[in-house]
Each structure stands twice: as C-alpha cells, then as structure tokens.
Amino acid sequence: MTTLTLENEPLVAEVAIISGKLMVDLVDGRTIIVPLAWYPRLWHGSLRERQNWQLLGDGYAIEWPDLDEHIGVDGLLAGHKSSESQISLDKWLAARQAILSDLVIR
C-alpha cells in the first residue's frame, strides 16, 4: 500500500467571491471553486465583510474576522462544507440581526 505525501503544503494566494462561488487560488497555480452556500456565514455576509479576509500563517487557512469564519485549505481540497450546526448558525444570525437593528436605530 502506498501513502500519498505532498511535496508542498497547499497555500492560499488569493480569494474571491463571484457569482455565488468561493474561488481560492493556490500558490501552486490551482484554483478551488466551491458553492458559497457551503459556508452560511459567508453567504449571509455583506460585500464589505466578504472582502475583508486575511490569511492565517503562510496561507494554510483563510479568516473573515467580521464574520468569525475560518476555512482551511485542506478542508477545501477535501470538499468539506461548513460543519457549523443549524442551532449555532441561528444564534449567530440572531445576534447579527440585533447588532444591525441597533445600528439602524442610532
């Protein structure tokens, strides 16, 4: 039996969200494209929040601090969707709505 070993760790170079898809360019030239619906916090985020991303470490993961979302390259390559429970997402959406409502009242 053989074991797959990676010559280079896959690292993120660039991130874009276009037409309902998350597109991640890797430093080795590959591009990963997945449905944005796989990540509900990104789905519900504003354009400004989605554009405010940063790389963790050398690019092993992407973080959207305004949305408290973190996505690792390994998970993207494996085809893993968000594992957040519906209960957790509902609490996050309710808190988000309360903050947005408070901003409108002011």
Protein backbone atom coordinates (compact mmCIF):
# COMPACT_ATOMS: atom_id res chain seq x y z
CA MET A 1 0.00 0.00 0.00
CA THR A 2 1.31 3.44 -0.88
CA THR A 3 0.76 6.62 1.09
CA LEU A 4 0.24 9.97 -0.57
CA THR A 5 2.73 12.56 0.56
CA LEU A 6 2.58 16.15 -0.56
CA GLU A 7 5.68 17.77 -1.97
CA ASN A 8 4.44 21.20 -0.93
CA GLU A 9 1.77 22.21 1.52
CA PRO A 10 -1.12 23.82 -0.40
CA LEU A 11 -1.23 27.51 0.46
CA VAL A 12 -3.66 30.28 -0.49
CA ALA A 13 -2.52 33.12 -2.74
CA GLU A 14 -5.80 34.93 -3.46
CA VAL A 15 -9.51 34.75 -2.57
CA ALA A 16 -12.57 35.98 -4.48
CA ILE A 17 -16.31 35.56 -4.18
CA ILE A 18 -18.02 35.78 -7.55
CA SER A 19 -21.50 34.73 -8.68
CA GLY A 20 -22.28 32.71 -5.57
CA LYS A 21 -18.96 30.86 -5.60
CA LEU A 22 -15.91 30.96 -3.35
CA MET A 23 -12.78 30.92 -5.53
CA VAL A 24 -9.42 30.25 -3.90
CA ASP A 25 -6.20 30.49 -5.90
CA LEU A 26 -3.32 28.48 -4.50
CA VAL A 27 0.34 29.43 -4.78
CA ASP A 28 0.99 26.35 -6.94
CA GLY A 29 -1.40 27.64 -9.64
CA ARG A 30 -4.50 25.58 -8.82
CA THR A 31 -7.88 27.20 -8.23
CA ILE A 32 -10.53 25.70 -5.95
CA ILE A 33 -14.13 26.74 -6.63
CA VAL A 34 -16.94 25.76 -4.26
CA PRO A 35 -20.51 26.98 -3.78
CA LEU A 36 -20.73 29.90 -1.38
CA ALA A 37 -23.77 28.19 0.18
CA TRP A 38 -21.33 25.67 1.72
CA TYR A 39 -20.36 28.45 4.15
CA PRO A 40 -23.52 30.13 5.51
CA ARG A 41 -21.68 32.91 7.35
CA LEU A 42 -20.09 33.99 4.08
CA TRP A 43 -23.43 33.58 2.34
CA HIS A 44 -25.09 35.97 4.82
CA GLY A 45 -22.17 38.41 4.89
CA SER A 46 -22.16 41.78 3.18
CA LEU A 47 -19.84 42.56 0.28
CA ARG A 48 -17.61 44.56 2.64
CA GLU A 49 -17.46 41.70 5.15
CA ARG A 50 -16.67 39.15 2.46
CA GLN A 51 -13.87 41.30 1.06
CA ASN A 52 -12.28 41.67 4.50
CA TRP A 53 -10.30 38.42 4.58
CA GLN A 54 -6.81 37.58 5.68
CA LEU A 55 -4.52 34.60 5.50
CA LEU A 56 -3.56 32.63 8.57
CA GLY A 57 0.08 31.66 8.81
CA ASP A 58 1.66 31.33 5.39
CA GLY A 59 -1.77 30.76 3.84
CA TYR A 60 -2.88 27.41 5.28
CA ALA A 61 -6.29 28.96 6.03
CA ILE A 62 -8.46 32.00 5.33
CA GLU A 63 -10.14 34.09 8.01
CA TRP A 64 -13.02 36.54 7.69
CA PRO A 65 -12.80 38.35 11.05
CA ASP A 66 -16.06 40.29 10.63
CA LEU A 67 -17.95 37.02 10.11
CA ASP A 68 -15.94 34.83 12.53
CA GLU A 69 -15.35 32.38 9.66
CA HIS A 70 -12.21 30.31 9.16
CA ILE A 71 -11.67 27.94 6.25
CA GLY A 72 -8.63 25.72 5.88
CA VAL A 73 -7.14 24.80 2.51
CA ASP A 74 -7.08 21.12 3.44
CA GLY A 75 -10.83 21.21 4.06
CA LEU A 76 -11.45 22.94 0.74
CA LEU A 77 -9.37 20.36 -1.11
CA ALA A 78 -11.25 17.55 0.66
CA GLY A 79 -14.61 19.08 -0.26
CA HIS A 80 -15.69 19.73 3.32
CA LYS A 81 -18.63 22.08 3.84
CA SER A 82 -19.10 24.17 6.97
CA SER A 83 -19.67 21.91 9.96
CA GLU A 84 -21.49 24.59 11.96
CA SER A 85 -24.74 23.33 13.41
CA GLN A 86 -28.03 24.96 12.47
CA ILE A 87 -28.53 25.95 16.13
CA SER A 88 -25.17 27.74 16.20
CA LEU A 89 -25.87 29.46 12.88
CA ASP A 90 -29.33 30.56 14.06
CA LYS A 91 -27.79 32.10 17.22
CA TRP A 92 -25.17 33.90 15.10
CA LEU A 93 -27.84 35.21 12.71
CA ALA A 94 -30.00 36.44 15.62
CA ALA A 95 -27.06 38.24 17.22
CA ARG A 96 -26.13 39.72 13.84
CA GLN A 97 -29.69 40.95 13.29
CA ALA A 98 -29.74 42.54 16.76
CA ILE A 99 -26.49 44.41 16.02
CA LEU A 100 -27.77 45.59 12.62
CA SER A 101 -31.08 46.71 14.15
CA ASP A 102 -29.24 48.62 16.86
CA LEU A 103 -27.17 50.42 14.20
CA VAL A 104 -30.29 51.45 12.30
CA ILE A 105 -31.96 52.84 15.45
CA ARG A 106 -28.99 55.05 16.24
